[in-house]
Amino acid sequence: MPDFGFWGLTMDANDVESLAKFWCEATDYKVADSYYPILAVLDADKPNYPRLLILQVPETKTAKNRLHMEFRTDDLKAEANRIVQLGATLIEEREFGDTKWIVMQDPEGNEFCLVNPEH
């Protein structure tokens, strides 16, 4: 079998540098490589965390993402408030069984969720 494995997750952006700054402030990721204004590669200092690639595209986002990131947190409200201060938008709070989550968008409209699967 060929060497095949998950390497990273790419998101589209109009302003790569600005979106890279947002994601670095929102997460523990750091810019590992950049080719502004075309591309930024973000890495975490944690094993098994995928790299994030931010790629410049000419069009703006027009529809819901078919794939999005989910971030686990113990305090949904506090984390949502912190990330809103960085430029994200809180879309809605949801609940299913014992799991609660908050749907959000980054400054360019890419959806992501904050989730608390313990409660």
PDB file of N, CA and C in Angstrom:
ATOM      1  N   MET A   1       0.846  -1.182   0.000  1.00  0.00           N
ATOM      2  CA  MET A   1       0.000   0.000   0.000  1.00  0.00           C
ATOM      3  C   MET A   1       0.892   1.247   0.000  1.00  0.00           C
ATOM      4  N   PRO A   2       0.555   2.262  -0.798  1.00  0.00           N
ATOM      5  CA  PRO A   2       1.370   3.478  -0.831  1.00  0.00           C
ATOM      6  C   PRO A   2       1.262   4.254   0.477  1.00  0.00           C
ATOM      7  N   ASP A   3       2.249   5.080   0.725  1.00  0.00           N
ATOM      8  CA  ASP A   3       2.226   5.954   1.905  1.00  0.00           C
ATOM      9  C   ASP A   3       1.156   7.011   1.691  1.00  0.00           C
ATOM     10  N   PHE A   4       0.051   6.891   2.406  1.00  0.00           N
ATOM     11  CA  PHE A   4      -1.083   7.782   2.230  1.00  0.00           C
ATOM     12  C   PHE A   4      -1.620   8.122   3.606  1.00  0.00           C
ATOM     13  N   GLY A   5      -1.721   9.422   3.938  1.00  0.00           N
ATOM     14  CA  GLY A   5      -2.242   9.811   5.230  1.00  0.00           C
ATOM     15  C   GLY A   5      -2.687  11.258   5.240  1.00  0.00           C
ATOM     16  N   PHE A   6      -3.476  11.577   6.216  1.00  0.00           N
ATOM     17  CA  PHE A   6      -4.006  12.940   6.344  1.00  0.00           C
ATOM     18  C   PHE A   6      -2.871  13.899   6.644  1.00  0.00           C
ATOM     19  N   TRP A   7      -2.753  14.960   5.860  1.00  0.00           N
ATOM     20  CA  TRP A   7      -1.650  15.908   5.988  1.00  0.00           C
ATOM     21  C   TRP A   7      -2.101  17.275   6.469  1.00  0.00           C
ATOM     22  N   GLY A   8      -3.294  17.702   6.076  1.00  0.00           N
ATOM     23  CA  GLY A   8      -3.739  19.021   6.480  1.00  0.00           C
ATOM     24  C   GLY A   8      -5.139  19.328   5.993  1.00  0.00           C
ATOM     25  N   LEU A   9      -5.618  20.470   6.417  1.00  0.00           N
ATOM     26  CA  LEU A   9      -6.936  20.953   6.049  1.00  0.00           C
ATOM     27  C   LEU A   9      -6.762  22.343   5.465  1.00  0.00           C
ATOM     28  N   THR A  10      -7.320  22.585   4.278  1.00  0.00           N
ATOM     29  CA  THR A  10      -7.162  23.861   3.595  1.00  0.00           C
ATOM     30  C   THR A  10      -8.459  24.646   3.631  1.00  0.00           C
ATOM     31  N   MET A  11      -8.345  25.940   3.903  1.00  0.00           N
ATOM     32  CA  MET A  11      -9.498  26.822   3.830  1.00  0.00           C
ATOM     33  C   MET A  11      -9.197  27.953   2.868  1.00  0.00           C
ATOM     34  N   ASP A  12     -10.229  28.396   2.169  1.00  0.00           N
ATOM     35  CA  ASP A  12     -10.098  29.494   1.226  1.00  0.00           C
ATOM     36  C   ASP A  12     -10.166  30.827   1.956  1.00  0.00           C
ATOM     37  N   ALA A  13      -9.513  31.831   1.361  1.00  0.00           N
ATOM     38  CA  ALA A  13      -9.514  33.173   1.949  1.00  0.00           C
ATOM     39  C   ALA A  13      -9.297  34.204   0.858  1.00  0.00           C
ATOM     40  N   ASN A  14      -9.797  35.396   1.110  1.00  0.00           N
ATOM     41  CA  ASN A  14      -9.469  36.534   0.263  1.00  0.00           C
ATOM     42  C   ASN A  14      -8.223  37.225   0.796  1.00  0.00           C
ATOM     43  N   ASP A  15      -8.109  37.319   2.128  1.00  0.00           N
ATOM     44  CA  ASP A  15      -6.955  37.958   2.778  1.00  0.00           C
ATOM     45  C   ASP A  15      -6.247  36.906   3.631  1.00  0.00           C
ATOM     46  N   VAL A  16      -5.280  36.240   3.040  1.00  0.00           N
ATOM     47  CA  VAL A  16      -4.579  35.125   3.682  1.00  0.00           C
ATOM     48  C   VAL A  16      -3.900  35.565   4.975  1.00  0.00           C
ATOM     49  N   GLU A  17      -3.188  36.649   4.951  1.00  0.00           N
ATOM     50  CA  GLU A  17      -2.436  37.091   6.128  1.00  0.00           C
ATOM     51  C   GLU A  17      -3.356  37.418   7.299  1.00  0.00           C
ATOM     52  N   SER A  18      -4.440  38.101   7.029  1.00  0.00           N
ATOM     53  CA  SER A  18      -5.389  38.448   8.085  1.00  0.00           C
ATOM     54  C   SER A  18      -6.052  37.203   8.678  1.00  0.00           C
ATOM     55  N   LEU A  19      -6.443  36.259   7.812  1.00  0.00           N
ATOM     56  CA  LEU A  19      -7.088  35.049   8.312  1.00  0.00           C
ATOM     57  C   LEU A  19      -6.092  34.173   9.078  1.00  0.00           C
ATOM     58  N   ALA A  20      -4.846  34.129   8.625  1.00  0.00           N
ATOM     59  CA  ALA A  20      -3.813  33.386   9.363  1.00  0.00           C
ATOM     60  C   ALA A  20      -3.624  33.982  10.750  1.00  0.00           C
ATOM     61  N   LYS A  21      -3.608  35.286  10.846  1.00  0.00           N
ATOM     62  CA  LYS A  21      -3.476  35.949  12.153  1.00  0.00           C
ATOM     63  C   LYS A  21      -4.652  35.580  13.059  1.00  0.00           C
ATOM     64  N   PHE A  22      -5.869  35.612  12.518  1.00  0.00           N
ATOM     65  CA  PHE A  22      -7.042  35.239  13.307  1.00  0.00           C
ATOM     66  C   PHE A  22      -6.899  33.823  13.866  1.00  0.00           C
ATOM     67  N   TRP A  23      -6.575  32.856  12.988  1.00  0.00           N
ATOM     68  CA  TRP A  23      -6.509  31.465  13.430  1.00  0.00           C
ATOM     69  C   TRP A  23      -5.361  31.230  14.412  1.00  0.00           C
ATOM     70  N   CYS A  24      -4.263  31.941  14.268  1.00  0.00           N
ATOM     71  CA  CYS A  24      -3.171  31.817  15.241  1.00  0.00           C
ATOM     72  C   CYS A  24      -3.591  32.358  16.603  1.00  0.00           C
ATOM     73  N   GLU A  25      -4.339  33.460  16.616  1.00  0.00           N
ATOM     74  CA  GLU A  25      -4.819  34.022  17.881  1.00  0.00           C
ATOM     75  C   GLU A  25      -5.914  33.161  18.499  1.00  0.00           C
ATOM     76  N   ALA A  26      -6.729  32.528  17.677  1.00  0.00           N
ATOM     77  CA  ALA A  26      -7.840  31.727  18.174  1.00  0.00           C
ATOM     78  C   ALA A  26      -7.400  30.353  18.670  1.00  0.00           C
ATOM     79  N   THR A  27      -6.287  29.841  18.128  1.00  0.00           N
ATOM     80  CA  THR A  27      -5.824  28.491  18.456  1.00  0.00           C
ATOM     81  C   THR A  27      -4.369  28.537  18.924  1.00  0.00           C
ATOM     82  N   ASP A  28      -3.803  27.380  19.165  1.00  0.00           N
ATOM     83  CA  ASP A  28      -2.381  27.274  19.527  1.00  0.00           C
ATOM     84  C   ASP A  28      -1.500  27.097  18.297  1.00  0.00           C
ATOM     85  N   TYR A  29      -2.025  27.363  17.133  1.00  0.00           N
ATOM     86  CA  TYR A  29      -1.263  27.220  15.899  1.00  0.00           C
ATOM     87  C   TYR A  29      -0.336  28.409  15.683  1.00  0.00           C
ATOM     88  N   LYS A  30       0.727  28.176  14.927  1.00  0.00           N
ATOM     89  CA  LYS A  30       1.708  29.203  14.557  1.00  0.00           C
ATOM     90  C   LYS A  30       1.903  29.150  13.045  1.00  0.00           C
ATOM     91  N   VAL A  31       2.259  30.282  12.452  1.00  0.00           N
ATOM     92  CA  VAL A  31       2.570  30.293  11.025  1.00  0.00           C
ATOM     93  C   VAL A  31       3.910  29.588  10.843  1.00  0.00           C
ATOM     94  N   ALA A  32       3.889  28.457  10.155  1.00  0.00           N
ATOM     95  CA  ALA A  32       5.101  27.679   9.918  1.00  0.00           C
ATOM     96  C   ALA A  32       5.774  28.110   8.628  1.00  0.00           C
ATOM     97  N   ASP A  33       4.975  28.567   7.675  1.00  0.00           N
ATOM     98  CA  ASP A  33       5.512  29.005   6.388  1.00  0.00           C
ATOM     99  C   ASP A  33       4.484  29.936   5.767  1.00  0.00           C
ATOM    100  N   SER A  34       4.949  30.942   5.051  1.00  0.00           N
ATOM    101  CA  SER A  34       4.008  31.859   4.415  1.00  0.00           C
ATOM    102  C   SER A  34       4.540  32.333   3.078  1.00  0.00           C
ATOM    103  N   TYR A  35       3.621  32.502   2.193  1.00  0.00           N
ATOM    104  CA  TYR A  35       3.885  33.043   0.866  1.00  0.00           C
ATOM    105  C   TYR A  35       2.796  34.080   0.595  1.00  0.00           C
ATOM    106  N   TYR A  36       2.720  35.072   1.509  1.00  0.00           N
ATOM    107  CA  TYR A  36       1.681  36.096   1.387  1.00  0.00           C
ATOM    108  C   TYR A  36       1.826  36.816   0.063  1.00  0.00           C
ATOM    109  N   PRO A  37       0.763  37.124  -0.604  1.00  0.00           N
ATOM    110  CA  PRO A  37      -0.643  37.004  -0.205  1.00  0.00           C
ATOM    111  C   PRO A  37      -1.309  35.710  -0.652  1.00  0.00           C
ATOM    112  N   ILE A  38      -0.534  34.729  -1.119  1.00  0.00           N
ATOM    113  CA  ILE A  38      -1.096  33.525  -1.737  1.00  0.00           C
ATOM    114  C   ILE A  38      -1.426  32.408  -0.742  1.00  0.00           C
ATOM    115  N   LEU A  39      -0.542  32.155   0.229  1.00  0.00           N
ATOM    116  CA  LEU A  39      -0.649  30.953   1.046  1.00  0.00           C
ATOM    117  C   LEU A  39      -0.007  31.150   2.407  1.00  0.00           C
ATOM    118  N   ALA A  40      -0.609  30.546   3.421  1.00  0.00           N
ATOM    119  CA  ALA A  40       0.005  30.438   4.747  1.00  0.00           C
ATOM    120  C   ALA A  40      -0.196  29.010   5.226  1.00  0.00           C
ATOM    121  N   VAL A  41       0.829  28.466   5.867  1.00  0.00           N
ATOM    122  CA  VAL A  41       0.771  27.118   6.438  1.00  0.00           C
ATOM    123  C   VAL A  41       0.892  27.275   7.951  1.00  0.00           C
ATOM    124  N   LEU A  42      -0.111  26.782   8.677  1.00  0.00           N
ATOM    125  CA  LEU A  42      -0.126  26.875  10.138  1.00  0.00           C
ATOM    126  C   LEU A  42       0.072  25.486  10.724  1.00  0.00           C
ATOM    127  N   ASP A  43       0.916  25.400  11.744  1.00  0.00           N
ATOM    128  CA  ASP A  43       1.177  24.140  12.433  1.00  0.00           C
ATOM    129  C   ASP A  43       0.952  24.311  13.929  1.00  0.00           C
ATOM    130  N   ALA A  44       0.559  23.239  14.573  1.00  0.00           N
ATOM    131  CA  ALA A  44       0.453  23.199  16.028  1.00  0.00           C
ATOM    132  C   ALA A  44       1.675  22.469  16.550  1.00  0.00           C
ATOM    133  N   ASP A  45       2.060  22.765  17.772  1.00  0.00           N
ATOM    134  CA  ASP A  45       3.191  22.071  18.385  1.00  0.00           C
ATOM    135  C   ASP A  45       2.726  20.807  19.100  1.00  0.00           C
ATOM    136  N   LYS A  46       1.659  20.209  18.613  1.00  0.00           N
ATOM    137  CA  LYS A  46       1.100  19.020  19.244  1.00  0.00           C
ATOM    138  C   LYS A  46       1.086  17.882  18.230  1.00  0.00           C
ATOM    139  N   PRO A  47       1.496  16.698  18.647  1.00  0.00           N
ATOM    140  CA  PRO A  47       1.479  15.567  17.711  1.00  0.00           C
ATOM    141  C   PRO A  47       0.051  15.242  17.294  1.00  0.00           C
ATOM    142  N   ASN A  48      -0.081  14.786  16.079  1.00  0.00           N
ATOM    143  CA  ASN A  48      -1.364  14.352  15.510  1.00  0.00           C
ATOM    144  C   ASN A  48      -2.344  15.489  15.242  1.00  0.00           C
ATOM    145  N   TYR A  49      -1.918  16.736  15.373  1.00  0.00           N
ATOM    146  CA  TYR A  49      -2.773  17.856  14.971  1.00  0.00           C
ATOM    147  C   TYR A  49      -2.483  18.146  13.505  1.00  0.00           C
ATOM    148  N   PRO A  50      -3.505  18.222  12.666  1.00  0.00           N
ATOM    149  CA  PRO A  50      -3.250  18.491  11.246  1.00  0.00           C
ATOM    150  C   PRO A  50      -2.799  19.924  11.031  1.00  0.00           C
ATOM    151  N   ARG A  51      -2.021  20.138  10.003  1.00  0.00           N
ATOM    152  CA  ARG A  51      -1.668  21.519   9.662  1.00  0.00           C
ATOM    153  C   ARG A  51      -2.867  22.163   8.990  1.00  0.00           C
ATOM    154  N   LEU A  52      -2.937  23.464   9.092  1.00  0.00           N
ATOM    155  CA  LEU A  52      -3.972  24.247   8.430  1.00  0.00           C
ATOM    156  C   LEU A  52      -3.317  25.049   7.323  1.00  0.00           C
ATOM    157  N   LEU A  53      -3.886  25.010   6.156  1.00  0.00           N
ATOM    158  CA  LEU A  53      -3.394  25.797   5.035  1.00  0.00           C
ATOM    159  C   LEU A  53      -4.468  26.823   4.687  1.00  0.00           C
ATOM    160  N   ILE A  54      -4.041  28.041   4.486  1.00  0.00           N
ATOM    161  CA  ILE A  54      -4.962  29.108   4.101  1.00  0.00           C
ATOM    162  C   ILE A  54      -4.535  29.562   2.717  1.00  0.00           C
ATOM    163  N   LEU A  55      -5.455  29.436   1.774  1.00  0.00           N
ATOM    164  CA  LEU A  55      -5.152  29.642   0.367  1.00  0.00           C
ATOM    165  C   LEU A  55      -5.989  30.779  -0.200  1.00  0.00           C
ATOM    166  N   GLN A  56      -5.323  31.696  -0.873  1.00  0.00           N
ATOM    167  CA  GLN A  56      -6.030  32.816  -1.486  1.00  0.00           C
ATOM    168  C   GLN A  56      -6.850  32.340  -2.684  1.00  0.00           C
ATOM    169  N   VAL A  57      -8.098  32.797  -2.738  1.00  0.00           N
ATOM    170  CA  VAL A  57      -8.974  32.535  -3.879  1.00  0.00           C
ATOM    171  C   VAL A  57      -9.613  33.864  -4.294  1.00  0.00           C
ATOM    172  N   PRO A  58      -9.989  34.002  -5.546  1.00  0.00           N
ATOM    173  CA  PRO A  58     -10.536  35.276  -5.996  1.00  0.00           C
ATOM    174  C   PRO A  58     -11.989  35.510  -5.592  1.00  0.00           C
ATOM    175  N   GLU A  59     -12.746  34.432  -5.402  1.00  0.00           N
ATOM    176  CA  GLU A  59     -14.160  34.595  -5.093  1.00  0.00           C
ATOM    177  C   GLU A  59     -14.389  34.670  -3.582  1.00  0.00           C
ATOM    178  N   THR A  60     -15.524  35.243  -3.194  1.00  0.00           N
ATOM    179  CA  THR A  60     -15.911  35.265  -1.784  1.00  0.00           C
ATOM    180  C   THR A  60     -16.779  34.046  -1.509  1.00  0.00           C
ATOM    181  N   LYS A  61     -16.928  33.722  -0.249  1.00  0.00           N
ATOM    182  CA  LYS A  61     -17.733  32.575   0.159  1.00  0.00           C
ATOM    183  C   LYS A  61     -19.201  32.872  -0.124  1.00  0.00           C
ATOM    184  N   THR A  62     -19.895  31.907  -0.719  1.00  0.00           N
ATOM    185  CA  THR A  62     -21.300  32.122  -1.078  1.00  0.00           C
ATOM    186  C   THR A  62     -22.252  31.080  -0.502  1.00  0.00           C
ATOM    187  N   ALA A  63     -21.744  29.973   0.051  1.00  0.00           N
ATOM    188  CA  ALA A  63     -22.616  28.915   0.560  1.00  0.00           C
ATOM    189  C   ALA A  63     -21.994  28.298   1.811  1.00  0.00           C
ATOM    190  N   LYS A  64     -22.778  27.501   2.494  1.00  0.00           N
ATOM    191  CA  LYS A  64     -22.324  26.818   3.695  1.00  0.00           C
ATOM    192  C   LYS A  64     -21.187  25.854   3.352  1.00  0.00           C
ATOM    193  N   ASN A  65     -20.207  25.769   4.257  1.00  0.00           N
ATOM    194  CA  ASN A  65     -19.113  24.812   4.085  1.00  0.00           C
ATOM    195  C   ASN A  65     -19.662  23.390   4.120  1.00  0.00           C
ATOM    196  N   ARG A  66     -19.084  22.521   3.332  1.00  0.00           N
ATOM    197  CA  ARG A  66     -19.438  21.106   3.387  1.00  0.00           C
ATOM    198  C   ARG A  66     -18.574  20.371   4.411  1.00  0.00           C
ATOM    199  N   LEU A  67     -17.505  20.981   4.830  1.00  0.00           N
ATOM    200  CA  LEU A  67     -16.591  20.429   5.823  1.00  0.00           C
ATOM    201  C   LEU A  67     -16.202  21.577   6.743  1.00  0.00           C
ATOM    202  N   HIS A  68     -16.173  21.327   8.034  1.00  0.00           N
ATOM    203  CA  HIS A  68     -15.746  22.380   8.944  1.00  0.00           C
ATOM    204  C   HIS A  68     -14.987  21.774  10.118  1.00  0.00           C
ATOM    205  N   MET A  69     -14.260  22.638  10.835  1.00  0.00           N
ATOM    206  CA  MET A  69     -13.479  22.200  11.989  1.00  0.00           C
ATOM    207  C   MET A  69     -14.338  22.285  13.251  1.00  0.00           C
ATOM    208  N   GLU A  70     -14.036  21.431  14.206  1.00  0.00           N
ATOM    209  CA  GLU A  70     -14.689  21.441  15.509  1.00  0.00           C
ATOM    210  C   GLU A  70     -13.606  21.510  16.571  1.00  0.00           C
ATOM    211  N   PHE A  71     -13.798  22.407  17.536  1.00  0.00           N
ATOM    212  CA  PHE A  71     -12.827  22.604  18.606  1.00  0.00           C
ATOM    213  C   PHE A  71     -13.486  22.315  19.945  1.00  0.00           C
ATOM    214  N   ARG A  72     -12.885  21.424  20.708  1.00  0.00           N
ATOM    215  CA  ARG A  72     -13.391  21.039  22.025  1.00  0.00           C
ATOM    216  C   ARG A  72     -12.979  22.089  23.046  1.00  0.00           C
ATOM    217  N   THR A  73     -13.905  22.426  23.957  1.00  0.00           N
ATOM    218  CA  THR A  73     -13.613  23.367  25.030  1.00  0.00           C
ATOM    219  C   THR A  73     -14.475  23.045  26.237  1.00  0.00           C
ATOM    220  N   ASP A  74     -13.971  23.347  27.413  1.00  0.00           N
ATOM    221  CA  ASP A  74     -14.735  23.117  28.640  1.00  0.00           C
ATOM    222  C   ASP A  74     -15.766  24.207  28.886  1.00  0.00           C
ATOM    223  N   ASP A  75     -15.507  25.423  28.407  1.00  0.00           N
ATOM    224  CA  ASP A  75     -16.390  26.556  28.672  1.00  0.00           C
ATOM    225  C   ASP A  75     -16.813  27.186  27.344  1.00  0.00           C
ATOM    226  N   LEU A  76     -17.921  26.710  26.815  1.00  0.00           N
ATOM    227  CA  LEU A  76     -18.381  27.166  25.501  1.00  0.00           C
ATOM    228  C   LEU A  76     -18.586  28.674  25.448  1.00  0.00           C
ATOM    229  N   LYS A  77     -19.294  29.216  26.418  1.00  0.00           N
ATOM    230  CA  LYS A  77     -19.626  30.654  26.391  1.00  0.00           C
ATOM    231  C   LYS A  77     -18.378  31.514  26.464  1.00  0.00           C
ATOM    232  N   ALA A  78     -17.476  31.199  27.375  1.00  0.00           N
ATOM    233  CA  ALA A  78     -16.252  32.004  27.518  1.00  0.00           C
ATOM    234  C   ALA A  78     -15.399  31.929  26.256  1.00  0.00           C
ATOM    235  N   GLU A  79     -15.279  30.738  25.697  1.00  0.00           N
ATOM    236  CA  GLU A  79     -14.465  30.576  24.489  1.00  0.00           C
ATOM    237  C   GLU A  79     -15.113  31.282  23.303  1.00  0.00           C
ATOM    238  N   ALA A  80     -16.418  31.179  23.177  1.00  0.00           N
ATOM    239  CA  ALA A  80     -17.123  31.884  22.098  1.00  0.00           C
ATOM    240  C   ALA A  80     -16.923  33.390  22.232  1.00  0.00           C
ATOM    241  N   ASN A  81     -17.044  33.918  23.437  1.00  0.00           N
ATOM    242  CA  ASN A  81     -16.838  35.355  23.652  1.00  0.00           C
ATOM    243  C   ASN A  81     -15.419  35.765  23.295  1.00  0.00           C
ATOM    244  N   ARG A  82     -14.438  34.957  23.675  1.00  0.00           N
ATOM    245  CA  ARG A  82     -13.038  35.273  23.367  1.00  0.00           C
ATOM    246  C   ARG A  82     -12.820  35.325  21.856  1.00  0.00           C
ATOM    247  N   ILE A  83     -13.361  34.354  21.147  1.00  0.00           N
ATOM    248  CA  ILE A  83     -13.137  34.275  19.709  1.00  0.00           C
ATOM    249  C   ILE A  83     -13.929  35.356  18.964  1.00  0.00           C
ATOM    250  N   VAL A  84     -15.091  35.734  19.473  1.00  0.00           N
ATOM    251  CA  VAL A  84     -15.838  36.854  18.885  1.00  0.00           C
ATOM    252  C   VAL A  84     -15.005  38.131  18.981  1.00  0.00           C
ATOM    253  N   GLN A  85     -14.313  38.315  20.098  1.00  0.00           N
ATOM    254  CA  GLN A  85     -13.456  39.490  20.256  1.00  0.00           C
ATOM    255  C   GLN A  85     -12.325  39.518  19.221  1.00  0.00           C
ATOM    256  N   LEU A  86     -11.951  38.355  18.713  1.00  0.00           N
ATOM    257  CA  LEU A  86     -10.901  38.266  17.691  1.00  0.00           C
ATOM    258  C   LEU A  86     -11.432  38.510  16.278  1.00  0.00           C
ATOM    259  N   GLY A  87     -12.766  38.523  16.131  1.00  0.00           N
ATOM    260  CA  GLY A  87     -13.343  38.798  14.815  1.00  0.00           C
ATOM    261  C   GLY A  87     -14.306  37.755  14.293  1.00  0.00           C
ATOM    262  N   ALA A  88     -14.551  36.690  15.053  1.00  0.00           N
ATOM    263  CA  ALA A  88     -15.496  35.661  14.625  1.00  0.00           C
ATOM    264  C   ALA A  88     -16.930  36.125  14.868  1.00  0.00           C
ATOM    265  N   THR A  89     -17.860  35.399  14.272  1.00  0.00           N
ATOM    266  CA  THR A  89     -19.283  35.672  14.465  1.00  0.00           C
ATOM    267  C   THR A  89     -19.936  34.442  15.073  1.00  0.00           C
ATOM    268  N   LEU A  90     -20.725  34.636  16.118  1.00  0.00           N
ATOM    269  CA  LEU A  90     -21.496  33.553  16.715  1.00  0.00           C
ATOM    270  C   LEU A  90     -22.781  33.403  15.910  1.00  0.00           C
ATOM    271  N   ILE A  91     -23.022  32.220  15.388  1.00  0.00           N
ATOM    272  CA  ILE A  91     -24.192  31.966  14.543  1.00  0.00           C
ATOM    273  C   ILE A  91     -25.355  31.432  15.375  1.00  0.00           C
ATOM    274  N   GLU A  92     -25.129  30.341  16.094  1.00  0.00           N
ATOM    275  CA  GLU A  92     -26.189  29.809  16.947  1.00  0.00           C
ATOM    276  C   GLU A  92     -25.648  28.755  17.901  1.00  0.00           C
ATOM    277  N   GLU A  93     -26.405  28.544  18.968  1.00  0.00           N
ATOM    278  CA  GLU A  93     -26.082  27.497  19.937  1.00  0.00           C
ATOM    279  C   GLU A  93     -26.997  26.309  19.656  1.00  0.00           C
ATOM    280  N   ARG A  94     -26.423  25.113  19.776  1.00  0.00           N
ATOM    281  CA  ARG A  94     -27.191  23.896  19.503  1.00  0.00           C
ATOM    282  C   ARG A  94     -26.929  22.867  20.594  1.00  0.00           C
ATOM    283  N   GLU A  95     -27.816  21.868  20.632  1.00  0.00           N
ATOM    284  CA  GLU A  95     -27.694  20.807  21.626  1.00  0.00           C
ATOM    285  C   GLU A  95     -28.318  19.540  21.066  1.00  0.00           C
ATOM    286  N   PHE A  96     -27.658  18.409  21.324  1.00  0.00           N
ATOM    287  CA  PHE A  96     -28.195  17.110  20.943  1.00  0.00           C
ATOM    288  C   PHE A  96     -27.772  16.131  22.020  1.00  0.00           C
ATOM    289  N   GLY A  97     -28.734  15.579  22.737  1.00  0.00           N
ATOM    290  CA  GLY A  97     -28.398  14.688  23.848  1.00  0.00           C
ATOM    291  C   GLY A  97     -27.580  15.433  24.881  1.00  0.00           C
ATOM    292  N   ASP A  98     -26.435  14.859  25.252  1.00  0.00           N
ATOM    293  CA  ASP A  98     -25.563  15.482  26.246  1.00  0.00           C
ATOM    294  C   ASP A  98     -24.545  16.439  25.635  1.00  0.00           C
ATOM    295  N   THR A  99     -24.552  16.583  24.325  1.00  0.00           N
ATOM    296  CA  THR A  99     -23.546  17.418  23.657  1.00  0.00           C
ATOM    297  C   THR A  99     -24.123  18.782  23.314  1.00  0.00           C
ATOM    298  N   LYS A 100     -23.366  19.809  23.680  1.00  0.00           N
ATOM    299  CA  LYS A 100     -23.723  21.185  23.329  1.00  0.00           C
ATOM    300  C   LYS A 100     -22.631  21.731  22.430  1.00  0.00           C
ATOM    301  N   TRP A 101     -23.014  22.583  21.478  1.00  0.00           N
ATOM    302  CA  TRP A 101     -22.017  23.211  20.625  1.00  0.00           C
ATOM    303  C   TRP A 101     -22.504  24.574  20.159  1.00  0.00           C
ATOM    304  N   ILE A 102     -21.553  25.373  19.711  1.00  0.00           N
ATOM    305  CA  ILE A 102     -21.846  26.704  19.188  1.00  0.00           C
ATOM    306  C   ILE A 102     -21.290  26.780  17.772  1.00  0.00           C
ATOM    307  N   VAL A 103     -22.152  27.123  16.838  1.00  0.00           N
ATOM    308  CA  VAL A 103     -21.752  27.292  15.443  1.00  0.00           C
ATOM    309  C   VAL A 103     -21.238  28.724  15.279  1.00  0.00           C
ATOM    310  N   MET A 104     -20.062  28.850  14.665  1.00  0.00           N
ATOM    311  CA  MET A 104     -19.437  30.158  14.492  1.00  0.00           C
ATOM    312  C   MET A 104     -18.912  30.285  13.065  1.00  0.00           C
ATOM    313  N   GLN A 105     -18.520  31.513  12.708  1.00  0.00           N
ATOM    314  CA  GLN A 105     -17.840  31.772  11.445  1.00  0.00           C
ATOM    315  C   GLN A 105     -16.598  32.603  11.723  1.00  0.00           C
ATOM    316  N   ASP A 106     -15.524  32.297  11.005  1.00  0.00           N
ATOM    317  CA  ASP A 106     -14.325  33.116  11.115  1.00  0.00           C
ATOM    318  C   ASP A 106     -14.571  34.442  10.370  1.00  0.00           C
ATOM    319  N   PRO A 107     -13.627  35.371  10.386  1.00  0.00           N
ATOM    320  CA  PRO A 107     -13.865  36.675   9.755  1.00  0.00           C
ATOM    321  C   PRO A 107     -14.194  36.629   8.260  1.00  0.00           C
ATOM    322  N   GLU A 108     -13.902  35.521   7.580  1.00  0.00           N
ATOM    323  CA  GLU A 108     -14.245  35.411   6.160  1.00  0.00           C
ATOM    324  C   GLU A 108     -15.436  34.488   5.918  1.00  0.00           C
ATOM    325  N   GLY A 109     -16.119  34.083   6.991  1.00  0.00           N
ATOM    326  CA  GLY A 109     -17.343  33.314   6.855  1.00  0.00           C
ATOM    327  C   GLY A 109     -17.187  31.807   6.867  1.00  0.00           C
ATOM    328  N   ASN A 110     -15.978  31.291   7.063  1.00  0.00           N
ATOM    329  CA  ASN A 110     -15.778  29.840   7.151  1.00  0.00           C
ATOM    330  C   ASN A 110     -16.353  29.336   8.473  1.00  0.00           C
ATOM    331  N   GLU A 111     -17.258  28.347   8.395  1.00  0.00           N
ATOM    332  CA  GLU A 111     -17.891  27.827   9.602  1.00  0.00           C
ATOM    333  C   GLU A 111     -16.948  26.940  10.403  1.00  0.00           C
ATOM    334  N   PHE A 112     -17.121  27.003  11.712  1.00  0.00           N
ATOM    335  CA  PHE A 112     -16.470  26.082  12.633  1.00  0.00           C
ATOM    336  C   PHE A 112     -17.345  25.999  13.868  1.00  0.00           C
ATOM    337  N   CYS A 113     -17.119  24.990  14.696  1.00  0.00           N
ATOM    338  CA  CYS A 113     -17.917  24.816  15.900  1.00  0.00           C
ATOM    339  C   CYS A 113     -17.040  24.715  17.131  1.00  0.00           C
ATOM    340  N   LEU A 114     -17.568  25.218  18.228  1.00  0.00           N
ATOM    341  CA  LEU A 114     -17.012  24.960  19.548  1.00  0.00           C
ATOM    342  C   LEU A 114     -17.914  23.921  20.169  1.00  0.00           C
ATOM    343  N   VAL A 115     -17.331  22.866  20.716  1.00  0.00           N
ATOM    344  CA  VAL A 115     -18.146  21.766  21.225  1.00  0.00           C
ATOM    345  C   VAL A 115     -17.688  21.373  22.621  1.00  0.00           C
ATOM    346  N   ASN A 116     -18.658  20.996  23.433  1.00  0.00           N
ATOM    347  CA  ASN A 116     -18.391  20.488  24.766  1.00  0.00           C
ATOM    348  C   ASN A 116     -19.059  19.122  24.869  1.00  0.00           C
ATOM    349  N   PRO A 117     -18.347  18.067  24.465  1.00  0.00           N
ATOM    350  CA  PRO A 117     -18.977  16.741  24.434  1.00  0.00           C
ATOM    351  C   PRO A 117     -19.167  16.117  25.804  1.00  0.00           C
ATOM    352  N   GLU A 118     -18.647  16.739  26.833  1.00  0.00           N
ATOM    353  CA  GLU A 118     -18.745  16.163  28.184  1.00  0.00           C
ATOM    354  C   GLU A 118     -20.045  16.515  28.871  1.00  0.00           C
ATOM    355  N   HIS A 119     -20.766  17.522  28.388  1.00  0.00           N
ATOM    356  CA  HIS A 119     -21.961  17.994  29.096  1.00  0.00           C
ATOM    357  C   HIS A 119     -23.196  17.956  28.221  1.00  0.00           C
TER     358      HIS A 119
END
